[in-house]
Structure formats: structure tokens, C-alpha cells
Amino acid sequence: MSKYKGIESSEVYSLGWNVVMVQFKCCGVDSYKDFDFTGEWVQPVVGVTLETPIACCKTLPTGATLADFACATSYDETLSNGMTGCYSEIWSRSFGKTAVVVPVLVVCGLIQIAFIVFAISLAKSVDEEKVRPL
């Protein structure tokens, strides 16, 4: 998290984290406390210092008043996703649902086997069509 620069950064690392935190409604790997030791994202907004990244807010601020940034100035579970870690959220939405993941992996495996069989048969047919010297 040491490379995270905040919601206004255009760096790839920060943009990636912002997208993940907004889309999955989570904050950091484990919680907003992952950002405690990185100070580059903390920039005074409307005269206050942020405790959690703005991307961790349940609703992103739209104005420039102190009330709009209440979700990031101090942790409040009703306004922030600060205690929901992105790791557990992504895991539960993807690999945590075995009823979805297992059939998808089986289909991928069958497609891979079909490609292998096709490649072997293609290589065999090309080998048989070679002109052999008399």
C-alpha cells in the first residue's frame, strides 16, 4: 500500500486500487488500517485530514463541504467500507462460490483438452502429407 497516492492520482497503482475499492465496496487488503503507514495519500481536503481513503466511502463525495467527506475523516461503518478487506471480498465473490467456479474450470479444462487433441491430429496430418524421397 506504500505506493497508493489517493483518489486523485493518475498513477496505475492508485487507479487500480481505487477501481477495486469502489467496485467491490472494500478498503485495502484487510481494512482501512493498511493505509496507516503510508502517508502520501493523506492530503488535507476542505481543511481536514483524512483517516481513510475516499475510495473506501460507501458513497463517493460529490461536493466540497466538510459533511461530504465525513466518510473519510474518521471511520464510521455506516458511511465507510473501511473494515471490509478487498482480499476477502474478491475471494468470496469469485473463488468462494464453488458452484460457479467448478463448472467454469471444468469447461476450461475440456476446451484445453480439445485444443491438445486438435494440435496432435493437425501435426500428424501434416507429417503424413510430407513428400518422401524415393
N, C-alpha and C. Protein backbone atom coordinates (compact mmCIF):
# COMPACT_ATOMS: atom_id res chain seq x y z
N MET A 1 0.81 -1.18 0.00
CA MET A 1 0.00 0.00 0.00
C MET A 1 0.86 1.26 0.00
N SER A 2 2.17 1.10 0.08
CA SER A 2 3.05 2.26 0.17
C SER A 2 3.06 3.10 -1.10
N LYS A 3 2.63 2.53 -2.22
CA LYS A 3 2.62 3.28 -3.49
C LYS A 3 1.30 4.01 -3.73
N TYR A 4 0.31 3.79 -2.88
CA TYR A 4 -1.01 4.39 -3.08
C TYR A 4 -0.93 5.90 -2.85
N LYS A 5 -1.44 6.67 -3.82
CA LYS A 5 -1.36 8.13 -3.76
C LYS A 5 -2.70 8.82 -3.54
N GLY A 6 -3.79 8.09 -3.52
CA GLY A 6 -5.09 8.70 -3.26
C GLY A 6 -6.02 8.67 -4.46
N ILE A 7 -7.22 9.20 -4.26
CA ILE A 7 -8.27 9.13 -5.27
C ILE A 7 -7.98 10.01 -6.49
N GLU A 8 -7.22 11.07 -6.32
CA GLU A 8 -6.96 11.98 -7.43
C GLU A 8 -5.73 11.62 -8.23
N SER A 9 -5.01 10.58 -7.84
CA SER A 9 -3.79 10.19 -8.53
C SER A 9 -4.10 9.54 -9.87
N SER A 10 -3.22 9.76 -10.83
CA SER A 10 -3.39 9.12 -12.14
C SER A 10 -2.38 7.99 -12.33
N GLU A 11 -1.66 7.63 -11.28
CA GLU A 11 -0.72 6.51 -11.37
C GLU A 11 -1.49 5.19 -11.42
N VAL A 12 -0.96 4.23 -12.14
CA VAL A 12 -1.64 2.96 -12.37
C VAL A 12 -1.93 2.24 -11.06
N TYR A 13 -0.99 2.21 -10.14
CA TYR A 13 -1.17 1.51 -8.87
C TYR A 13 -2.36 2.10 -8.11
N SER A 14 -2.41 3.41 -8.00
CA SER A 14 -3.50 4.08 -7.29
C SER A 14 -4.83 3.91 -8.02
N LEU A 15 -4.80 4.05 -9.34
CA LEU A 15 -6.03 3.87 -10.12
C LEU A 15 -6.59 2.47 -9.93
N GLY A 16 -5.71 1.47 -9.95
CA GLY A 16 -6.14 0.09 -9.77
C GLY A 16 -6.80 -0.11 -8.42
N TRP A 17 -6.17 0.39 -7.38
CA TRP A 17 -6.76 0.25 -6.04
C TRP A 17 -8.08 1.00 -5.94
N ASN A 18 -8.14 2.18 -6.54
CA ASN A 18 -9.39 2.95 -6.48
C ASN A 18 -10.53 2.19 -7.15
N VAL A 19 -10.26 1.61 -8.31
CA VAL A 19 -11.29 0.85 -9.03
C VAL A 19 -11.74 -0.35 -8.22
N VAL A 20 -10.78 -1.09 -7.67
CA VAL A 20 -11.11 -2.28 -6.87
C VAL A 20 -11.93 -1.88 -5.64
N MET A 21 -11.49 -0.84 -4.94
CA MET A 21 -12.18 -0.46 -3.70
C MET A 21 -13.59 0.07 -3.96
N VAL A 22 -13.77 0.78 -5.06
CA VAL A 22 -15.11 1.30 -5.37
C VAL A 22 -16.02 0.18 -5.88
N GLN A 23 -15.53 -0.65 -6.80
CA GLN A 23 -16.35 -1.70 -7.41
C GLN A 23 -16.72 -2.81 -6.42
N PHE A 24 -15.76 -3.21 -5.58
CA PHE A 24 -16.01 -4.30 -4.65
C PHE A 24 -16.48 -3.81 -3.28
N LYS A 25 -16.59 -2.50 -3.13
CA LYS A 25 -17.05 -1.89 -1.87
C LYS A 25 -16.22 -2.40 -0.69
N CYS A 26 -14.90 -2.20 -0.82
CA CYS A 26 -13.97 -2.66 0.20
C CYS A 26 -12.90 -1.60 0.42
N CYS A 27 -11.94 -1.90 1.30
CA CYS A 27 -10.91 -0.92 1.62
C CYS A 27 -9.61 -1.63 1.99
N GLY A 28 -8.58 -1.44 1.20
CA GLY A 28 -7.29 -2.07 1.48
C GLY A 28 -7.34 -3.57 1.31
N VAL A 29 -6.25 -4.21 1.65
CA VAL A 29 -6.20 -5.67 1.56
C VAL A 29 -7.05 -6.28 2.66
N ASP A 30 -6.84 -5.80 3.90
CA ASP A 30 -7.58 -6.32 5.05
C ASP A 30 -8.57 -5.31 5.62
N SER A 31 -8.19 -4.03 5.65
CA SER A 31 -9.06 -2.97 6.18
C SER A 31 -8.41 -1.62 5.88
N TYR A 32 -9.06 -0.57 6.33
CA TYR A 32 -8.50 0.77 6.11
C TYR A 32 -7.20 0.97 6.88
N LYS A 33 -6.92 0.13 7.85
CA LYS A 33 -5.70 0.24 8.64
C LYS A 33 -4.45 -0.10 7.83
N ASP A 34 -4.63 -0.72 6.66
CA ASP A 34 -3.49 -0.98 5.77
C ASP A 34 -2.85 0.32 5.30
N PHE A 35 -3.59 1.40 5.35
CA PHE A 35 -3.10 2.69 4.87
C PHE A 35 -2.46 3.52 5.98
N ASP A 36 -2.41 3.00 7.21
CA ASP A 36 -1.87 3.76 8.34
C ASP A 36 -0.40 4.15 8.15
N PHE A 37 0.37 3.32 7.52
CA PHE A 37 1.81 3.55 7.43
C PHE A 37 2.22 4.20 6.11
N THR A 38 1.27 4.56 5.31
CA THR A 38 1.56 5.26 4.06
C THR A 38 0.92 6.62 4.13
N GLY A 39 1.71 7.64 4.04
CA GLY A 39 1.17 8.98 4.23
C GLY A 39 0.95 9.78 2.97
N GLU A 40 1.37 9.27 1.82
CA GLU A 40 1.27 10.06 0.59
C GLU A 40 -0.17 10.30 0.14
N TRP A 41 -1.09 9.44 0.51
CA TRP A 41 -2.49 9.60 0.07
C TRP A 41 -3.23 10.58 0.96
N VAL A 42 -2.71 10.85 2.15
CA VAL A 42 -3.38 11.75 3.09
C VAL A 42 -3.05 13.19 2.71
N GLN A 43 -4.00 13.83 2.09
CA GLN A 43 -3.85 15.23 1.73
C GLN A 43 -5.03 15.97 2.32
N PRO A 44 -4.78 17.12 2.95
CA PRO A 44 -5.90 17.85 3.55
C PRO A 44 -6.97 18.20 2.52
N VAL A 45 -8.19 17.84 2.82
CA VAL A 45 -9.33 18.14 1.96
C VAL A 45 -10.29 19.00 2.77
N VAL A 46 -10.66 20.13 2.25
CA VAL A 46 -11.59 21.05 2.91
C VAL A 46 -11.12 21.34 4.34
N GLY A 47 -9.80 21.43 4.52
CA GLY A 47 -9.27 21.78 5.83
C GLY A 47 -9.22 20.66 6.85
N VAL A 48 -9.49 19.42 6.46
CA VAL A 48 -9.42 18.30 7.40
C VAL A 48 -8.48 17.23 6.87
N THR A 49 -7.95 16.42 7.76
CA THR A 49 -7.08 15.32 7.36
C THR A 49 -7.91 14.05 7.28
N LEU A 50 -7.66 13.27 6.27
CA LEU A 50 -8.42 12.04 6.06
C LEU A 50 -7.84 10.90 6.89
N GLU A 51 -8.71 10.06 7.41
CA GLU A 51 -8.28 8.87 8.15
C GLU A 51 -8.35 7.64 7.25
N THR A 52 -9.32 7.61 6.37
CA THR A 52 -9.46 6.51 5.40
C THR A 52 -9.46 7.10 4.00
N PRO A 53 -9.02 6.34 3.01
CA PRO A 53 -9.08 6.85 1.63
C PRO A 53 -10.52 7.13 1.20
N ILE A 54 -10.68 8.12 0.36
CA ILE A 54 -12.02 8.49 -0.12
C ILE A 54 -12.66 7.34 -0.89
N ALA A 55 -11.84 6.53 -1.57
CA ALA A 55 -12.36 5.39 -2.33
C ALA A 55 -13.01 4.34 -1.43
N CYS A 56 -12.76 4.42 -0.12
CA CYS A 56 -13.37 3.47 0.82
C CYS A 56 -14.77 3.89 1.24
N CYS A 57 -15.20 5.07 0.87
CA CYS A 57 -16.53 5.55 1.25
C CYS A 57 -17.61 4.73 0.53
N LYS A 58 -18.71 4.49 1.22
CA LYS A 58 -19.82 3.76 0.59
C LYS A 58 -20.42 4.58 -0.56
N THR A 59 -20.46 5.90 -0.39
CA THR A 59 -20.90 6.81 -1.45
C THR A 59 -19.80 7.84 -1.63
N LEU A 60 -19.28 7.96 -2.83
CA LEU A 60 -18.21 8.91 -3.07
C LEU A 60 -18.72 10.34 -2.90
N PRO A 61 -17.93 11.20 -2.26
CA PRO A 61 -18.33 12.59 -2.07
C PRO A 61 -18.50 13.31 -3.40
N THR A 62 -19.50 14.17 -3.48
CA THR A 62 -19.74 14.92 -4.72
C THR A 62 -19.49 16.41 -4.54
N GLY A 63 -19.52 16.90 -3.32
CA GLY A 63 -19.33 18.33 -3.07
C GLY A 63 -17.98 18.62 -2.46
N ALA A 64 -17.84 19.83 -1.97
CA ALA A 64 -16.57 20.24 -1.37
C ALA A 64 -16.77 20.74 0.05
N THR A 65 -17.80 20.26 0.72
CA THR A 65 -18.02 20.67 2.10
C THR A 65 -17.51 19.59 3.05
N LEU A 66 -17.31 19.97 4.29
CA LEU A 66 -16.81 19.03 5.29
C LEU A 66 -17.75 17.85 5.47
N ALA A 67 -19.04 18.07 5.39
CA ALA A 67 -20.02 16.99 5.56
C ALA A 67 -19.89 15.94 4.46
N ASP A 68 -19.49 16.35 3.26
CA ASP A 68 -19.35 15.41 2.15
C ASP A 68 -18.21 14.41 2.40
N PHE A 69 -17.20 14.82 3.16
CA PHE A 69 -16.03 13.98 3.40
C PHE A 69 -16.07 13.31 4.77
N ALA A 70 -17.21 13.30 5.43
CA ALA A 70 -17.34 12.69 6.75
C ALA A 70 -16.99 11.21 6.72
N CYS A 71 -17.23 10.56 5.60
CA CYS A 71 -16.95 9.12 5.49
C CYS A 71 -15.45 8.83 5.53
N ALA A 72 -14.61 9.82 5.24
CA ALA A 72 -13.17 9.60 5.19
C ALA A 72 -12.40 10.31 6.30
N THR A 73 -13.04 11.24 7.00
CA THR A 73 -12.32 11.97 8.05
C THR A 73 -12.17 11.15 9.32
N SER A 74 -13.10 10.26 9.58
CA SER A 74 -12.97 9.31 10.69
C SER A 74 -13.77 8.07 10.31
N TYR A 75 -13.34 6.93 10.84
CA TYR A 75 -14.02 5.69 10.44
C TYR A 75 -15.41 5.61 11.05
N ASP A 76 -16.38 5.37 10.20
CA ASP A 76 -17.77 5.19 10.62
C ASP A 76 -18.34 4.09 9.73
N GLU A 77 -18.70 2.96 10.30
CA GLU A 77 -19.13 1.81 9.49
C GLU A 77 -20.40 2.08 8.68
N THR A 78 -21.17 3.07 9.08
CA THR A 78 -22.38 3.38 8.30
C THR A 78 -22.05 4.18 7.04
N LEU A 79 -20.89 4.84 7.03
CA LEU A 79 -20.51 5.68 5.88
C LEU A 79 -19.35 5.09 5.07
N SER A 80 -18.61 4.16 5.66
CA SER A 80 -17.38 3.68 5.03
C SER A 80 -17.33 2.16 4.96
N ASN A 81 -16.64 1.65 3.95
CA ASN A 81 -16.38 0.22 3.81
C ASN A 81 -15.03 -0.14 4.43
N GLY A 82 -14.57 0.67 5.36
CA GLY A 82 -13.22 0.58 5.90
C GLY A 82 -12.81 -0.75 6.50
N MET A 83 -13.71 -1.49 7.10
CA MET A 83 -13.34 -2.76 7.73
C MET A 83 -13.57 -3.96 6.81
N THR A 84 -14.04 -3.72 5.61
CA THR A 84 -14.23 -4.80 4.63
C THR A 84 -12.98 -4.87 3.77
N GLY A 85 -12.18 -5.90 3.95
CA GLY A 85 -10.95 -6.06 3.17
C GLY A 85 -11.24 -6.52 1.76
N CYS A 86 -10.46 -6.02 0.82
CA CYS A 86 -10.66 -6.37 -0.59
C CYS A 86 -10.31 -7.82 -0.87
N TYR A 87 -9.32 -8.36 -0.15
CA TYR A 87 -8.94 -9.75 -0.36
C TYR A 87 -10.12 -10.68 -0.09
N SER A 88 -10.73 -10.53 1.08
CA SER A 88 -11.84 -11.42 1.43
C SER A 88 -13.06 -11.17 0.54
N GLU A 89 -13.27 -9.93 0.14
CA GLU A 89 -14.42 -9.60 -0.70
C GLU A 89 -14.27 -10.21 -2.10
N ILE A 90 -13.09 -10.07 -2.69
CA ILE A 90 -12.85 -10.64 -4.02
C ILE A 90 -12.88 -12.16 -3.95
N TRP A 91 -12.30 -12.74 -2.89
CA TRP A 91 -12.31 -14.20 -2.73
C TRP A 91 -13.73 -14.73 -2.63
N SER A 92 -14.57 -14.08 -1.83
CA SER A 92 -15.93 -14.58 -1.65
C SER A 92 -16.77 -14.41 -2.91
N ARG A 93 -16.49 -13.38 -3.71
CA ARG A 93 -17.27 -13.17 -4.93
C ARG A 93 -16.80 -14.05 -6.09
N SER A 94 -15.60 -14.55 -6.02
CA SER A 94 -15.11 -15.36 -7.14
C SER A 94 -14.88 -16.81 -6.72
N PHE A 95 -13.78 -17.08 -6.04
CA PHE A 95 -13.43 -18.45 -5.70
C PHE A 95 -14.24 -18.99 -4.54
N GLY A 96 -14.89 -18.15 -3.79
CA GLY A 96 -15.70 -18.60 -2.67
C GLY A 96 -16.99 -19.25 -3.10
N LYS A 97 -17.35 -19.11 -4.36
CA LYS A 97 -18.59 -19.69 -4.88
C LYS A 97 -18.24 -20.90 -5.74
N THR A 98 -18.07 -22.03 -5.10
CA THR A 98 -17.64 -23.23 -5.82
C THR A 98 -18.68 -23.71 -6.81
N ALA A 99 -19.94 -23.40 -6.59
CA ALA A 99 -20.99 -23.83 -7.52
C ALA A 99 -20.81 -23.16 -8.88
N VAL A 100 -20.14 -22.03 -8.92
CA VAL A 100 -19.89 -21.32 -10.17
C VAL A 100 -18.49 -21.65 -10.70
N VAL A 101 -17.51 -21.66 -9.81
CA VAL A 101 -16.12 -21.81 -10.22
C VAL A 101 -15.83 -23.20 -10.77
N VAL A 102 -16.33 -24.25 -10.13
CA VAL A 102 -16.02 -25.62 -10.57
C VAL A 102 -16.51 -25.88 -12.00
N PRO A 103 -17.75 -25.58 -12.36
CA PRO A 103 -18.16 -25.81 -13.74
C PRO A 103 -17.36 -24.98 -14.76
N VAL A 104 -17.01 -23.76 -14.41
CA VAL A 104 -16.21 -22.93 -15.32
C VAL A 104 -14.84 -23.56 -15.52
N LEU A 105 -14.20 -24.03 -14.46
CA LEU A 105 -12.89 -24.66 -14.58
C LEU A 105 -12.97 -25.98 -15.36
N VAL A 106 -14.04 -26.74 -15.18
CA VAL A 106 -14.22 -27.99 -15.93
C VAL A 106 -14.35 -27.70 -17.42
N VAL A 107 -15.15 -26.70 -17.77
CA VAL A 107 -15.31 -26.32 -19.18
C VAL A 107 -13.98 -25.86 -19.76
N CYS A 108 -13.23 -25.06 -19.00
CA CYS A 108 -11.91 -24.60 -19.47
C CYS A 108 -10.98 -25.79 -19.69
N GLY A 109 -11.01 -26.75 -18.78
CA GLY A 109 -10.18 -27.95 -18.94
C GLY A 109 -10.57 -28.76 -20.17
N LEU A 110 -11.88 -28.91 -20.42
CA LEU A 110 -12.33 -29.64 -21.61
C LEU A 110 -11.92 -28.93 -22.90
N ILE A 111 -12.01 -27.62 -22.90
CA ILE A 111 -11.58 -26.86 -24.08
C ILE A 111 -10.08 -27.03 -24.29
N GLN A 112 -9.31 -27.02 -23.22
CA GLN A 112 -7.86 -27.21 -23.33
C GLN A 112 -7.55 -28.59 -23.89
N ILE A 113 -8.24 -29.62 -23.43
CA ILE A 113 -8.03 -30.98 -23.94
C ILE A 113 -8.39 -31.05 -25.42
N ALA A 114 -9.48 -30.40 -25.81
CA ALA A 114 -9.87 -30.37 -27.22
C ALA A 114 -8.80 -29.72 -28.08
N PHE A 115 -8.21 -28.63 -27.60
CA PHE A 115 -7.13 -27.96 -28.34
C PHE A 115 -5.90 -28.86 -28.47
N ILE A 116 -5.58 -29.60 -27.42
CA ILE A 116 -4.44 -30.51 -27.47
C ILE A 116 -4.68 -31.61 -28.49
N VAL A 117 -5.86 -32.22 -28.48
CA VAL A 117 -6.20 -33.28 -29.44
C VAL A 117 -6.16 -32.72 -30.87
N PHE A 118 -6.70 -31.53 -31.08
CA PHE A 118 -6.68 -30.90 -32.41
C PHE A 118 -5.24 -30.64 -32.86
N ALA A 119 -4.37 -30.16 -31.97
CA ALA A 119 -2.99 -29.89 -32.33
C ALA A 119 -2.24 -31.17 -32.69
N ILE A 120 -2.50 -32.25 -31.96
CA ILE A 120 -1.84 -33.53 -32.25
C ILE A 120 -2.31 -34.07 -33.59
N SER A 121 -3.62 -34.01 -33.85
CA SER A 121 -4.13 -34.52 -35.13
C SER A 121 -3.64 -33.66 -36.29
N LEU A 122 -3.53 -32.37 -36.11
CA LEU A 122 -3.03 -31.48 -37.16
C LEU A 122 -1.56 -31.77 -37.44
N ALA A 123 -0.78 -31.97 -36.40
CA ALA A 123 0.63 -32.28 -36.59
C ALA A 123 0.81 -33.62 -37.28
N LYS A 124 -0.03 -34.58 -36.95
CA LYS A 124 0.05 -35.91 -37.56
C LYS A 124 -0.31 -35.85 -39.05
N SER A 125 -1.35 -35.07 -39.39
CA SER A 125 -1.77 -34.99 -40.79
C SER A 125 -0.73 -34.24 -41.63
N VAL A 126 -0.09 -33.26 -41.06
CA VAL A 126 0.96 -32.54 -41.79
C VAL A 126 2.15 -33.47 -42.02
N ASP A 127 2.48 -34.29 -41.04
CA ASP A 127 3.60 -35.22 -41.15
C ASP A 127 3.33 -36.27 -42.23
N GLU A 128 2.08 -36.72 -42.34
CA GLU A 128 1.73 -37.74 -43.34
C GLU A 128 1.74 -37.19 -44.76
N GLU A 129 1.52 -35.90 -44.92
CA GLU A 129 1.46 -35.29 -46.25
C GLU A 129 2.83 -34.89 -46.79
N LYS A 130 3.87 -35.04 -46.01
CA LYS A 130 5.21 -34.69 -46.46
C LYS A 130 5.59 -35.60 -47.64
N VAL A 131 6.31 -35.06 -48.58
CA VAL A 131 6.80 -35.83 -49.73
C VAL A 131 8.08 -36.54 -49.29
N ARG A 132 8.06 -37.83 -49.44
CA ARG A 132 9.24 -38.61 -49.04
C ARG A 132 10.09 -38.93 -50.29
N PRO A 133 11.38 -38.82 -50.18
CA PRO A 133 12.24 -39.13 -51.34
C PRO A 133 12.19 -40.62 -51.67
N LEU A 134 12.31 -40.93 -52.97
CA LEU A 134 12.28 -42.33 -53.41
C LEU A 134 13.58 -43.03 -53.29
